[in-house]
Amino acid sequence: MSTDKEKLYNVVQVKLPPESTLIRPKDMNNTSMIRVEDLNGDGTREAIVFYETPNENVRIHGMILEEQGGTWVKKLTFDVPGNELQSFKVLDITNDGNPDIILGVSLQEQKALTAYSYKGGALEQVLGGVPYNQYIIDDAQGNTLDLSGDGKSDFVIISLNNSGFATIALYQYEDGSFKEVDRVQTDYTVKEVYNALGGEIAKGQMGIVLDAELDDRSSFSQIMYVKDNKLVNAFKSPDQTYRDDKILSGDVDNDGIIEFGLKETPKGWEHYVFDSRLWFYTYYQWDGKDSKKFVSFQFRDDADLFHLNLKPEWYGKITIDTKSEKEKYIRFKMIDTDETVAEIKYFTLSKWEQEKGKSWKEITRTKDRVIASRVAQSEAGKDALSNTSQLNRKGELNE
């Protein structure tokens, strides 16, 4: 911790009421306990913190401190309705050039979005307790979203009713308050919207991507943009993004555009029982018109211990040998020639000690096994595996 941060932290601890503790938001994308911003544009920094008083009727409270003469002075405290702080963002959503405080809180099963502006030494609530299941207010870099293309920030709130229908509402600040610009309700039911993203959904086109779980096995992605202040679906049919798995959308190739994932059967595995198959996980972008554009594909083991990115040029040209065995040995081969492109093998720890340093490259390991890959020393195998990395998808999805 730097000297400045340590000084601020010590001041905050002194200002906390007895039997209270600093809290972090549950949102894993930003868990900072203390945020420092110039909230009112006067050139002086403010610090925002939240603390919990478990023995009081109001459990969550906020505190704003101002930097003065090399130290920090408490300016005000405020009550936050709710039992748990879900998220905490500092963004300009009122379009006045100064950042606002945006809070997601939960009260029993219900979550609500609240926002405050700090002006003239006082705190004003500008958004009060809008129910949500997911909300999209910034992109992956933490920048505000201009979905309607009018130069002003706006955001989307997604809520599910008791029947499982989802309402998607677009909000923007106008004439001193937030207005609901548009609202659509889905004509399908979902179990959960487990992921919600905002950003570029095609080259030069801003929008949102919702990953929705239909049941315990299947999910799809809904991609939307705003045209003439109306929320519009990118695809006419959800079949374009349907898959028999729970896959997270995201910018998988770091080009700034959000991709959605599908689960596809490698050639030769079509007649195998569903649960016995090995799979390719493919990622697509909306093409800006009526279809999708392939971007990349990868292999994951059934336990989600790792993913292995395959060379995009080989999509449609390679498959997985049907003699491969799950969690033992997997061979990737050319469809036309049967030539080996790459292999994955699961080693016992003792066997790995004999093999490491040879042609195999470790991907990841468990307490009793090492999983490794190697590529063929041929032109076909060259760079076939563009990257290997460990990714615990189950943990990521269940956070």
Protein backbone atom coordinates (compact mmCIF):
# COMPACT_ATOMS: atom_id res chain seq x y z
CA MET A 1 0.00 0.00 0.00
CA SER A 2 1.41 3.42 -0.94
CA THR A 3 1.94 6.08 1.73
CA ASP A 4 -1.04 8.12 0.47
CA LYS A 5 -3.36 5.13 0.49
CA GLU A 6 -2.14 4.01 3.89
CA LYS A 7 -2.75 7.51 5.31
CA LEU A 8 -6.27 7.56 3.85
CA TYR A 9 -6.99 4.05 5.13
CA ASN A 10 -5.90 5.03 8.65
CA VAL A 11 -8.11 8.15 8.59
CA VAL A 12 -11.09 6.06 7.43
CA GLN A 13 -10.55 3.55 10.24
CA VAL A 14 -10.57 6.36 12.80
CA LYS A 15 -13.79 7.84 11.35
CA LEU A 16 -15.68 4.53 11.38
CA PRO A 17 -18.37 4.16 14.08
CA PRO A 18 -17.74 1.58 16.83
CA GLU A 19 -18.50 -2.05 15.91
CA SER A 20 -18.56 -1.28 12.18
CA THR A 21 -16.36 -2.72 9.43
CA LEU A 22 -15.38 -1.60 5.93
CA ILE A 23 -17.01 -3.69 3.21
CA ARG A 24 -16.23 -4.50 -0.42
CA PRO A 25 -18.79 -4.99 -3.19
CA LYS A 26 -19.47 -8.58 -4.22
CA ASP A 27 -18.84 -7.69 -7.88
CA MET A 28 -15.56 -9.43 -8.66
CA ASN A 29 -14.69 -6.95 -11.41
CA ASN A 30 -13.97 -4.21 -8.89
CA THR A 31 -13.56 -5.06 -5.22
CA SER A 32 -11.77 -1.91 -4.06
CA MET A 33 -12.86 -0.77 -0.58
CA ILE A 34 -11.87 2.87 -1.12
CA ARG A 35 -12.41 4.87 -4.32
CA VAL A 36 -10.84 8.29 -4.84
CA GLU A 37 -12.37 10.69 -7.40
CA ASP A 38 -13.09 14.38 -7.88
CA LEU A 39 -16.84 14.00 -7.56
CA ASN A 40 -17.88 17.62 -8.12
CA GLY A 41 -15.25 18.98 -10.51
CA ASP A 42 -13.70 21.48 -8.08
CA GLY A 43 -10.19 20.04 -8.37
CA THR A 44 -10.29 18.50 -4.87
CA ARG A 45 -10.38 14.73 -4.49
CA GLU A 46 -13.05 12.90 -2.54
CA ALA A 47 -12.85 9.39 -1.11
CA ILE A 48 -15.90 7.11 -0.99
CA VAL A 49 -16.11 4.13 1.34
CA PHE A 50 -18.85 1.83 2.62
CA TYR A 51 -19.15 0.15 5.97
CA GLU A 52 -21.48 -2.25 7.71
CA THR A 53 -23.22 -2.03 11.09
CA PRO A 54 -24.65 -5.53 11.55
CA ASN A 55 -26.44 -4.71 14.82
CA GLU A 56 -28.43 -1.76 13.47
CA ASN A 57 -31.65 -1.69 11.46
CA VAL A 58 -29.79 -0.04 8.57
CA ARG A 59 -26.81 -2.28 7.87
CA ILE A 60 -24.96 -0.47 5.07
CA HIS A 61 -23.68 3.10 5.17
CA GLY A 62 -21.52 5.25 2.92
CA MET A 63 -18.97 7.90 3.89
CA ILE A 64 -17.45 10.69 1.79
CA LEU A 65 -14.16 12.30 2.82
CA GLU A 66 -12.44 15.27 1.21
CA GLU A 67 -8.71 15.83 0.83
CA GLN A 68 -7.68 18.97 2.70
CA GLY A 69 -4.18 20.18 3.56
CA GLY A 70 -2.49 16.82 3.26
CA THR A 71 -5.11 14.90 5.22
CA TRP A 72 -8.70 13.70 4.78
CA VAL A 73 -11.76 15.27 6.39
CA LYS A 74 -15.10 13.49 6.73
CA LYS A 75 -17.80 15.46 4.88
CA LEU A 76 -20.87 13.27 5.31
CA THR A 77 -22.29 9.81 5.86
CA PHE A 78 -25.42 8.33 4.30
CA ASP A 79 -27.59 5.25 4.72
CA VAL A 80 -27.83 2.67 1.96
CA PRO A 81 -31.01 0.56 1.92
CA GLY A 82 -30.17 -3.13 1.60
CA ASN A 83 -28.47 -6.06 3.27
CA GLU A 84 -25.53 -6.50 0.90
CA LEU A 85 -23.45 -4.26 -1.36
CA GLN A 86 -23.50 -5.99 -4.73
CA SER A 87 -21.63 -3.46 -6.88
CA PHE A 88 -20.06 -0.01 -6.62
CA LYS A 89 -19.12 2.09 -9.66
CA VAL A 90 -18.07 5.71 -10.09
CA LEU A 91 -19.16 6.93 -13.53
CA ASP A 92 -20.72 10.01 -15.10
CA ILE A 93 -24.25 8.85 -15.94
CA THR A 94 -25.92 12.26 -15.48
CA ASN A 95 -23.83 13.70 -18.35
CA ASP A 96 -22.65 16.77 -16.41
CA GLY A 97 -18.94 15.95 -16.68
CA ASN A 98 -18.65 14.78 -13.06
CA PRO A 99 -18.72 11.16 -11.88
CA ASP A 100 -21.72 9.79 -10.00
CA ILE A 101 -21.83 7.05 -7.37
CA ILE A 102 -23.74 3.99 -8.64
CA LEU A 103 -24.64 1.23 -6.21
CA GLY A 104 -26.18 -2.18 -6.66
CA VAL A 105 -27.63 -3.47 -3.39
CA SER A 106 -29.63 -6.54 -2.41
CA LEU A 107 -32.46 -6.89 0.06
CA GLN A 108 -33.29 -10.56 0.53
CA GLU A 109 -33.94 -11.90 -3.02
CA GLN A 110 -34.36 -8.49 -4.68
CA LYS A 111 -31.54 -6.34 -6.11
CA ALA A 112 -31.90 -2.61 -6.73
CA LEU A 113 -29.82 0.03 -8.51
CA THR A 114 -29.31 3.42 -6.84
CA ALA A 115 -27.21 6.44 -7.90
CA TYR A 116 -26.05 9.62 -6.18
CA SER A 117 -24.46 12.91 -7.26
CA TYR A 118 -22.22 14.91 -4.90
CA LYS A 119 -22.68 18.66 -5.37
CA GLY A 120 -22.04 21.64 -3.12
CA GLY A 121 -20.99 19.44 -0.22
CA ALA A 122 -24.32 17.56 -0.30
CA LEU A 123 -25.36 14.20 -1.68
CA GLU A 124 -28.36 14.00 -4.01
CA GLN A 125 -30.03 10.72 -4.93
CA VAL A 126 -30.56 10.82 -8.69
CA LEU A 127 -31.73 7.23 -9.17
CA GLY A 128 -33.74 5.45 -6.53
CA GLY A 129 -33.96 1.71 -6.07
CA VAL A 130 -34.71 0.43 -9.59
CA PRO A 131 -35.10 -3.39 -9.38
CA TYR A 132 -32.70 -5.42 -11.50
CA ASN A 133 -31.31 -8.88 -12.10
CA GLN A 134 -28.49 -7.53 -14.28
CA TYR A 135 -27.53 -4.06 -15.41
CA ILE A 136 -25.17 -2.80 -18.11
CA ILE A 137 -23.71 0.61 -17.41
CA ASP A 138 -20.12 0.42 -18.72
CA ASP A 139 -17.87 -1.55 -21.07
CA ALA A 140 -15.08 -3.98 -20.18
CA GLN A 141 -12.67 -1.06 -19.63
CA GLY A 142 -15.05 0.70 -17.24
CA ASN A 143 -16.10 3.43 -19.69
CA THR A 144 -19.66 4.69 -19.85
CA LEU A 145 -21.82 3.54 -22.77
CA ASP A 146 -23.37 5.66 -25.48
CA LEU A 147 -25.76 3.11 -26.92
CA SER A 148 -28.04 5.55 -28.73
CA GLY A 149 -25.21 7.45 -30.44
CA ASP A 150 -26.27 10.91 -29.23
CA GLY A 151 -23.08 11.66 -27.31
CA LYS A 152 -24.70 10.99 -23.92
CA SER A 153 -24.19 8.02 -21.63
CA ASP A 154 -27.07 5.61 -21.10
CA PHE A 155 -27.53 2.21 -19.50
CA VAL A 156 -29.71 -0.90 -19.59
CA ILE A 157 -31.50 -2.69 -16.75
CA ILE A 158 -32.61 -6.31 -17.10
CA SER A 159 -35.23 -7.72 -14.74
CA LEU A 160 -37.04 -11.07 -14.59
CA ASN A 161 -40.60 -11.44 -13.39
CA ASN A 162 -41.91 -14.43 -11.43
CA SER A 163 -42.89 -16.19 -14.64
CA GLY A 164 -39.37 -15.95 -16.06
CA PHE A 165 -40.01 -13.32 -18.73
CA ALA A 166 -37.24 -10.73 -19.03
CA THR A 167 -37.75 -6.98 -19.32
CA ILE A 168 -34.93 -5.00 -20.92
CA ALA A 169 -35.13 -1.23 -20.33
CA LEU A 170 -32.96 1.59 -21.70
CA TYR A 171 -32.39 4.62 -19.42
CA GLN A 172 -30.90 8.09 -19.96
CA TYR A 173 -30.66 11.20 -17.78
CA GLU A 174 -32.72 14.08 -19.14
CA ASP A 175 -34.12 17.30 -17.64
CA GLY A 176 -33.01 16.51 -14.10
CA SER A 177 -34.08 12.86 -13.87
CA PHE A 178 -33.63 9.45 -15.46
CA LYS A 179 -36.11 8.62 -18.18
CA GLU A 180 -36.97 5.19 -19.52
CA VAL A 181 -36.21 5.64 -23.22
CA ASP A 182 -37.43 2.22 -24.32
CA ARG A 183 -38.58 -1.07 -22.82
CA VAL A 184 -39.03 -4.51 -24.39
CA GLN A 185 -40.25 -7.75 -22.85
CA THR A 186 -39.07 -11.09 -24.14
CA ASP A 187 -41.57 -13.56 -25.56
CA TYR A 188 -39.59 -16.45 -24.04
CA THR A 189 -38.87 -17.44 -20.45
CA VAL A 190 -35.40 -17.85 -18.97
CA LYS A 191 -34.06 -19.39 -15.79
CA GLU A 192 -31.36 -16.74 -15.36
CA VAL A 193 -29.49 -14.01 -17.20
CA TYR A 194 -26.03 -15.04 -16.01
CA ASN A 195 -23.89 -12.57 -17.93
CA ALA A 196 -24.52 -9.07 -19.31
CA LEU A 197 -22.02 -7.01 -21.31
CA GLY A 198 -21.94 -3.69 -23.12
CA GLY A 199 -19.58 -2.47 -25.82
CA GLU A 200 -18.92 -2.99 -29.52
CA ILE A 201 -21.02 -5.85 -30.90
CA ALA A 202 -19.83 -5.32 -34.49
CA LYS A 203 -17.32 -2.99 -36.11
CA GLY A 204 -18.42 0.54 -35.16
CA GLN A 205 -21.70 -0.64 -33.60
CA MET A 206 -22.32 -0.31 -29.86
CA GLY A 207 -24.75 -2.63 -28.14
CA ILE A 208 -25.34 -5.16 -25.39
CA VAL A 209 -24.97 -8.94 -25.08
CA LEU A 210 -27.04 -11.00 -22.63
CA ASP A 211 -26.18 -14.62 -21.88
CA ALA A 212 -29.36 -16.33 -20.69
CA GLU A 213 -29.81 -19.80 -19.22
CA LEU A 214 -32.95 -21.47 -20.55
CA ASP A 215 -32.78 -24.57 -18.35
CA ASP A 216 -30.15 -26.68 -16.60
CA ARG A 217 -28.52 -27.59 -19.90
CA SER A 218 -29.07 -24.96 -22.57
CA SER A 219 -28.48 -21.24 -23.02
CA PHE A 220 -28.27 -18.57 -25.72
CA SER A 221 -27.02 -15.02 -26.23
CA GLN A 222 -29.29 -12.08 -27.01
CA ILE A 223 -27.50 -9.29 -28.87
CA MET A 224 -29.19 -5.88 -29.08
CA TYR A 225 -28.43 -2.36 -30.26
CA VAL A 226 -30.30 0.95 -30.20
CA LYS A 227 -31.76 2.53 -33.33
CA ASP A 228 -33.93 5.64 -33.22
CA ASN A 229 -34.07 5.25 -29.41
CA LYS A 230 -35.50 1.72 -29.75
CA LEU A 231 -33.90 -1.52 -28.60
CA VAL A 232 -33.43 -3.80 -31.61
CA ASN A 233 -32.43 -7.49 -31.76
CA ALA A 234 -29.38 -8.16 -33.92
CA PHE A 235 -30.69 -11.63 -34.83
CA LYS A 236 -34.22 -12.36 -35.93
CA SER A 237 -34.09 -15.81 -34.30
CA PRO A 238 -32.41 -16.97 -31.07
CA ASP A 239 -31.41 -20.17 -32.91
CA GLN A 240 -28.29 -18.34 -34.18
CA THR A 241 -26.82 -18.29 -30.65
CA TYR A 242 -28.41 -21.37 -29.01
CA ARG A 243 -26.09 -23.95 -27.39
CA ASP A 244 -26.27 -26.94 -25.07
CA ASP A 245 -24.01 -25.43 -22.44
CA LYS A 246 -23.52 -22.35 -20.29
CA ILE A 247 -20.91 -20.28 -22.14
CA LEU A 248 -19.71 -16.76 -21.34
CA SER A 249 -19.61 -14.14 -24.06
CA GLY A 250 -16.65 -11.75 -24.13
CA ASP A 251 -13.89 -10.28 -26.24
CA VAL A 252 -11.99 -13.54 -26.73
CA ASP A 253 -9.57 -12.29 -29.40
CA ASN A 254 -8.91 -8.82 -27.89
CA ASP A 255 -10.13 -6.91 -30.95
CA GLY A 256 -12.52 -4.77 -28.90
CA ILE A 257 -15.66 -6.55 -30.20
CA ILE A 258 -17.74 -8.91 -28.04
CA GLU A 259 -18.01 -12.52 -29.23
CA PHE A 260 -20.56 -15.17 -28.23
CA GLY A 261 -19.76 -18.86 -27.90
CA LEU A 262 -21.31 -22.00 -29.36
CA LYS A 263 -20.71 -25.70 -28.74
CA GLU A 264 -20.16 -27.62 -31.96
CA THR A 265 -19.74 -31.30 -32.79
CA PRO A 266 -16.42 -32.14 -34.50
CA LYS A 267 -16.78 -33.99 -37.80
CA GLY A 268 -17.12 -37.72 -37.20
CA TRP A 269 -18.78 -37.40 -33.78
CA GLU A 270 -22.32 -36.72 -35.03
CA HIS A 271 -23.63 -40.23 -34.30
CA TYR A 272 -22.10 -40.57 -30.84
CA VAL A 273 -24.32 -40.28 -27.76
CA PHE A 274 -24.45 -36.63 -26.69
CA ASP A 275 -22.72 -37.11 -23.32
CA SER A 276 -19.97 -39.22 -24.90
CA ARG A 277 -18.91 -36.60 -27.42
CA LEU A 278 -15.87 -34.37 -27.40
CA TRP A 279 -16.58 -30.81 -28.49
CA PHE A 280 -15.23 -27.73 -30.15
CA TYR A 281 -16.18 -24.40 -28.55
CA THR A 282 -16.48 -21.82 -31.30
CA TYR A 283 -16.74 -18.04 -31.00
CA TYR A 284 -18.58 -15.71 -33.36
CA GLN A 285 -19.31 -12.04 -33.82
CA TRP A 286 -22.48 -10.57 -35.20
CA ASP A 287 -21.66 -9.50 -38.75
CA GLY A 288 -23.69 -6.28 -38.47
CA LYS A 289 -26.41 -7.65 -40.78
CA ASP A 290 -28.37 -10.89 -40.42
CA SER A 291 -25.74 -13.51 -39.70
CA LYS A 292 -22.69 -14.40 -37.61
CA LYS A 293 -18.98 -14.35 -38.42
CA PHE A 294 -16.54 -17.02 -37.17
CA VAL A 295 -13.64 -15.70 -35.07
CA SER A 296 -11.94 -18.53 -33.18
CA PHE A 297 -12.36 -22.00 -31.69
CA GLN A 298 -10.97 -24.00 -28.82
CA PHE A 299 -11.06 -27.32 -27.01
CA ARG A 300 -11.96 -27.76 -23.34
CA ASP A 301 -11.90 -30.89 -21.26
CA ASP A 302 -15.11 -32.02 -19.56
CA ALA A 303 -13.87 -30.94 -16.13
CA ASP A 304 -13.21 -27.40 -17.41
CA LEU A 305 -9.65 -27.53 -16.12
CA PHE A 306 -8.31 -25.74 -19.19
CA HIS A 307 -9.08 -24.42 -22.62
CA LEU A 308 -6.80 -24.79 -25.58
CA ASN A 309 -7.06 -22.31 -28.43
CA LEU A 310 -6.79 -23.87 -31.87
CA LYS A 311 -5.40 -22.15 -34.95
CA PRO A 312 -8.41 -20.29 -36.48
CA GLU A 313 -7.33 -21.19 -40.04
CA TRP A 314 -7.97 -24.85 -39.26
CA TYR A 315 -11.66 -24.37 -38.47
CA GLY A 316 -13.56 -26.80 -40.71
CA LYS A 317 -10.31 -28.53 -41.71
CA ILE A 318 -9.45 -30.45 -38.52
CA THR A 319 -11.42 -32.71 -36.21
CA ILE A 320 -10.85 -34.90 -33.16
CA ASP A 321 -10.00 -38.56 -33.75
CA THR A 322 -12.99 -40.69 -32.64
CA LYS A 323 -10.55 -43.12 -31.01
CA SER A 324 -9.65 -40.39 -28.51
CA GLU A 325 -10.52 -41.09 -24.88
CA LYS A 326 -11.78 -38.45 -22.49
CA GLU A 327 -9.31 -37.50 -19.76
CA LYS A 328 -6.70 -39.86 -21.24
CA TYR A 329 -5.58 -39.05 -24.77
CA ILE A 330 -6.98 -36.72 -27.46
CA ARG A 331 -5.72 -36.45 -31.04
CA PHE A 332 -6.50 -33.57 -33.39
CA LYS A 333 -6.20 -34.51 -37.06
CA MET A 334 -6.71 -33.18 -40.57
CA ILE A 335 -10.11 -34.20 -41.93
CA ASP A 336 -8.87 -34.90 -45.47
CA THR A 337 -5.57 -36.66 -44.76
CA ASP A 338 -5.90 -38.04 -41.21
CA GLU A 339 -2.57 -36.35 -40.45
CA THR A 340 -1.98 -35.60 -36.76
CA VAL A 341 -2.02 -31.89 -35.99
CA ALA A 342 -1.78 -31.89 -32.19
CA GLU A 343 -2.29 -34.11 -29.15
CA ILE A 344 -3.34 -33.81 -25.52
CA LYS A 345 -2.33 -36.41 -22.96
CA TYR A 346 -3.09 -36.89 -19.27
CA PHE A 347 -0.03 -38.12 -17.33
CA THR A 348 0.35 -39.52 -13.84
CA LEU A 349 2.85 -37.49 -11.82
CA SER A 350 5.47 -40.25 -11.99
CA LYS A 351 5.06 -40.69 -15.75
CA TRP A 352 5.32 -36.93 -16.25
CA GLU A 353 8.71 -36.88 -14.54
CA GLN A 354 9.91 -39.18 -17.31
CA GLU A 355 8.30 -37.21 -20.15
CA LYS A 356 8.72 -33.57 -19.20
CA GLY A 357 11.30 -31.64 -21.15
CA LYS A 358 10.71 -33.78 -24.23
CA SER A 359 8.09 -32.92 -26.86
CA TRP A 360 5.20 -32.41 -24.41
CA LYS A 361 4.27 -28.99 -23.02
CA GLU A 362 2.42 -28.77 -19.70
CA ILE A 363 -1.01 -27.10 -19.88
CA THR A 364 -2.12 -27.51 -16.28
CA ARG A 365 -2.06 -30.03 -13.45
CA THR A 366 -4.22 -31.43 -10.67
CA LYS A 367 -3.08 -33.01 -7.42
CA ASP A 368 -2.47 -36.35 -9.16
CA ARG A 369 -2.14 -35.64 -12.90
CA VAL A 370 -0.40 -33.41 -15.42
CA ILE A 371 -2.20 -32.46 -18.63
CA ALA A 372 0.13 -31.70 -21.53
CA SER A 373 -0.04 -30.98 -25.26
CA ARG A 374 2.25 -31.29 -28.23
CA VAL A 375 2.00 -30.30 -31.88
CA ALA A 376 3.10 -32.34 -34.87
CA GLN A 377 6.50 -31.46 -36.31
CA SER A 378 4.96 -30.99 -39.73
CA GLU A 379 3.68 -28.00 -41.66
CA ALA A 380 0.13 -28.95 -40.67
CA GLY A 381 1.01 -28.94 -37.00
CA LYS A 382 2.98 -25.71 -37.04
CA ASP A 383 1.31 -23.13 -34.75
CA ALA A 384 -1.85 -25.26 -34.62
CA LEU A 385 -2.17 -24.48 -30.94
CA SER A 386 -2.01 -20.71 -30.81
CA ASN A 387 -2.21 -20.55 -27.03
CA THR A 388 -2.74 -22.76 -24.02
CA SER A 389 -4.04 -21.50 -20.73
CA GLN A 390 -5.82 -22.60 -17.61
CA LEU A 391 -9.34 -21.34 -17.07
CA ASN A 392 -11.75 -22.63 -14.47
CA ARG A 393 -15.00 -21.85 -16.25
CA LYS A 394 -17.23 -23.32 -13.55
CA GLY A 395 -15.76 -21.06 -10.93
CA GLU A 396 -16.09 -18.05 -13.21
CA LEU A 397 -19.72 -18.80 -14.01
CA ASN A 398 -20.73 -19.42 -10.41
CA GLU A 399 -19.23 -16.29 -8.87
